[in-house]
């Protein structure tokens, strides 16, 4: 069975639903779905921590929304492939949001004889099917650290291509880091 459309899970709740218990209680989630995002930090991590990159290209959310982990992972893979082939490790790439909210689905059958097999609202808690990151307006989704103007223009093109993979309006911010102030602070 395929995934539901993103609008089924785009509603932003107040806090993430993560009630996990080892007991057999109906109000708790028995199993948590696995993490689909493989890596959260890629590229030259030590170089970023030492402040070697001149520009930070940030993808920012334009609204309060939940982004599913499979959408984040597909966008991460696409941007990482472009960065890795063109910049050969001279970049830093980070996924800034972490999917914690557990999505549930109450499966309903349709067709002949489905009324005998479906539970309807009798047991409507639903089974966990995935995770989502709860993203607020103006929150960072992705961050890329690069050194020159040619590189950040390439990152902007990659961000433009992944906008269709994300279920919200996004915008990009380019920050110029002050390398001299970071070196003098150490």
Protein backbone atom coordinates (compact mmCIF):
# COMPACT_ATOMS: atom_id res chain seq x y z
CA UNK A 1 0.00 0.00 0.00
CA UNK A 2 1.37 3.43 -0.93
CA UNK A 3 1.75 6.51 1.18
CA UNK A 4 -1.05 8.94 1.82
CA UNK A 5 -0.72 12.41 0.36
CA UNK A 6 1.15 15.02 2.39
CA UNK A 7 -1.98 17.07 3.12
CA UNK A 8 -3.24 14.21 5.31
CA UNK A 9 -0.40 14.89 7.74
CA UNK A 10 0.38 18.56 7.20
CA UNK A 11 -1.67 19.79 10.15
CA UNK A 12 0.67 21.21 12.78
CA UNK A 13 -0.04 20.03 16.31
CA UNK A 14 1.05 21.79 19.51
CA UNK A 15 3.57 19.15 20.52
CA UNK A 16 4.88 15.90 19.06
CA UNK A 17 3.10 12.66 19.83
CA UNK A 18 5.77 10.27 21.10
CA UNK A 19 4.10 8.24 23.85
CA UNK A 20 6.06 4.99 23.89
CA UNK A 21 5.51 2.32 26.51
CA UNK A 22 6.68 -1.23 27.13
CA UNK A 23 3.28 -2.05 28.62
CA UNK A 24 0.36 -3.31 26.55
CA UNK A 25 -1.77 -0.21 27.12
CA UNK A 26 -3.98 1.03 24.29
CA UNK A 27 -3.09 4.70 24.81
CA UNK A 28 0.60 4.17 24.09
CA UNK A 29 2.44 3.33 20.89
CA UNK A 30 3.79 -0.20 20.95
CA UNK A 31 6.49 0.25 18.29
CA UNK A 32 8.21 3.32 16.91
CA UNK A 33 8.91 3.37 13.17
CA UNK A 34 12.62 3.37 12.22
CA UNK A 35 14.50 6.54 11.37
CA UNK A 36 14.59 7.05 7.60
CA UNK A 37 17.13 9.87 7.62
CA UNK A 38 20.50 8.15 7.39
CA UNK A 39 22.85 11.06 8.14
CA UNK A 40 22.22 14.49 9.62
CA UNK A 41 25.71 15.95 9.01
CA UNK A 42 27.79 15.41 5.87
CA UNK A 43 30.89 16.81 4.23
CA UNK A 44 33.72 18.57 6.10
CA UNK A 45 32.26 18.61 9.61
CA UNK A 46 35.52 19.53 11.36
CA UNK A 47 36.13 22.35 8.89
CA UNK A 48 32.70 23.79 9.62
CA UNK A 49 33.24 23.63 13.37
CA UNK A 50 36.57 25.44 12.95
CA UNK A 51 34.91 28.13 10.81
CA UNK A 52 36.57 27.50 7.44
CA UNK A 53 33.53 28.28 5.26
CA UNK A 54 32.71 31.81 4.08
CA UNK A 55 29.02 31.34 3.22
CA UNK A 56 26.09 29.54 4.83
CA UNK A 57 23.20 28.80 2.48
CA UNK A 58 20.10 28.06 4.57
CA UNK A 59 16.73 26.69 3.49
CA UNK A 60 14.02 28.13 5.77
CA UNK A 61 10.38 27.12 6.16
CA UNK A 62 7.74 29.70 5.26
CA UNK A 63 4.95 28.27 7.43
CA UNK A 64 4.14 26.01 10.38
CA UNK A 65 4.01 22.48 9.00
CA UNK A 66 4.90 18.84 9.54
CA UNK A 67 7.39 17.40 7.05
CA UNK A 68 7.50 13.60 6.76
CA UNK A 69 10.82 11.85 7.16
CA UNK A 70 10.68 10.35 3.66
CA UNK A 71 10.38 13.84 2.14
CA UNK A 72 13.36 15.06 4.17
CA UNK A 73 15.42 12.01 3.20
CA UNK A 74 14.70 12.32 -0.53
CA UNK A 75 15.59 16.02 -0.47
CA UNK A 76 18.76 15.28 1.53
CA UNK A 77 19.89 12.61 -0.93
CA UNK A 78 19.30 14.86 -3.93
CA UNK A 79 21.24 17.84 -2.55
CA UNK A 80 24.04 15.64 -1.16
CA UNK A 81 24.56 13.96 -4.53
CA UNK A 82 24.89 17.34 -6.28
CA UNK A 83 27.29 18.66 -3.61
CA UNK A 84 29.41 15.52 -3.53
CA UNK A 85 29.86 15.29 -7.31
CA UNK A 86 30.61 18.98 -7.86
CA UNK A 87 32.48 20.10 -4.73
CA UNK A 88 34.42 16.90 -3.84
CA UNK A 89 34.09 17.26 -0.07
CA UNK A 90 34.70 21.02 0.16
CA UNK A 91 31.33 21.69 1.81
CA UNK A 92 29.34 21.12 4.97
CA UNK A 93 25.73 19.92 4.77
CA UNK A 94 23.33 19.52 7.69
CA UNK A 95 19.70 18.49 8.13
CA UNK A 96 18.56 20.85 10.90
CA UNK A 97 15.18 19.28 11.77
CA UNK A 98 14.66 15.90 13.40
CA UNK A 99 11.46 13.88 12.88
CA UNK A 100 10.01 12.98 16.29
CA UNK A 101 6.23 13.14 15.78
CA UNK A 102 4.77 9.66 15.18
CA UNK A 103 2.07 9.45 12.52
CA UNK A 104 -0.79 6.98 12.93
CA UNK A 105 -3.23 5.56 10.43
CA UNK A 106 -6.48 3.72 11.03
CA UNK A 107 -6.74 1.48 8.01
CA UNK A 108 -10.23 1.31 6.53
CA UNK A 109 -11.18 -1.29 3.97
CA UNK A 110 -13.41 -0.58 0.99
CA UNK A 111 -15.27 -2.87 -1.35
CA UNK A 112 -17.60 -5.82 -0.95
CA UNK A 113 -17.63 -7.34 2.53
CA UNK A 114 -15.46 -4.59 3.99
CA UNK A 115 -17.98 -3.86 6.73
CA UNK A 116 -17.25 -7.29 8.25
CA UNK A 117 -13.47 -6.74 8.24
CA UNK A 118 -13.08 -3.08 9.19
CA UNK A 119 -13.23 -2.03 12.81
CA UNK A 120 -14.57 1.46 11.97
CA UNK A 121 -14.30 3.76 14.98
CA UNK A 122 -14.37 0.85 17.42
CA UNK A 123 -10.56 0.74 17.61
CA UNK A 124 -9.66 4.03 15.96
CA UNK A 125 -6.28 4.65 17.61
CA UNK A 126 -4.39 3.59 14.48
CA UNK A 127 -1.07 1.93 13.94
CA UNK A 128 2.17 3.92 13.56
CA UNK A 129 3.22 4.30 9.93
CA UNK A 130 5.99 6.90 10.01
CA UNK A 131 7.53 9.98 11.59
CA UNK A 132 7.36 13.68 10.84
CA UNK A 133 9.35 16.74 11.84
CA UNK A 134 7.35 19.59 13.31
CA UNK A 135 8.71 22.72 11.66
CA UNK A 136 7.85 26.26 12.72
CA UNK A 137 7.79 29.32 10.50
CA UNK A 138 11.30 30.69 9.76
CA UNK A 139 12.97 27.54 11.13
CA UNK A 140 16.05 26.13 9.38
CA UNK A 141 15.47 22.92 7.42
CA UNK A 142 18.83 22.50 5.63
CA UNK A 143 22.16 24.31 6.02
CA UNK A 144 25.09 24.19 3.57
CA UNK A 145 28.48 25.78 4.25
CA UNK A 146 30.59 26.64 1.17
CA UNK A 147 33.58 28.83 0.31
CA UNK A 148 32.93 30.70 -2.94
CA UNK A 149 30.13 32.35 -4.92
CA UNK A 150 30.08 29.66 -7.62
CA UNK A 151 29.43 27.01 -4.97
CA UNK A 152 26.55 28.83 -3.27
CA UNK A 153 24.90 29.49 -6.64
CA UNK A 154 25.01 25.74 -7.26
CA UNK A 155 23.41 25.16 -3.86
CA UNK A 156 20.64 27.65 -4.74
CA UNK A 157 19.92 25.65 -7.91
CA UNK A 158 19.76 22.43 -5.88
CA UNK A 159 17.40 24.05 -3.37
CA UNK A 160 15.17 25.22 -6.24
CA UNK A 161 14.91 21.64 -7.50
CA UNK A 162 13.92 20.17 -4.11
CA UNK A 163 11.12 22.65 -3.44
CA UNK A 164 8.66 20.23 -5.02
CA UNK A 165 9.70 17.50 -2.58
CA UNK A 166 8.80 19.59 0.47
CA UNK A 167 5.14 20.23 1.41
CA UNK A 168 5.60 23.90 2.37
CA UNK A 169 6.75 27.23 1.06
CA UNK A 170 10.48 27.64 1.56
CA UNK A 171 12.96 30.44 1.04
CA UNK A 172 16.74 30.60 0.99
CA UNK A 173 19.02 32.80 3.07
CA UNK A 174 22.69 33.37 2.31
CA UNK A 175 24.76 34.36 5.32
CA UNK A 176 28.32 35.57 4.99
CA UNK A 177 30.31 34.35 7.96
CA UNK A 178 32.99 36.58 9.41
CA UNK A 179 36.08 34.36 9.39
CA UNK A 180 38.25 36.87 11.26
CA UNK A 181 35.93 37.07 14.28
CA UNK A 182 35.73 33.29 14.57
CA UNK A 183 39.51 32.94 14.50
CA UNK A 184 40.02 35.67 17.10
CA UNK A 185 37.51 34.11 19.49
CA UNK A 186 39.68 30.99 19.79
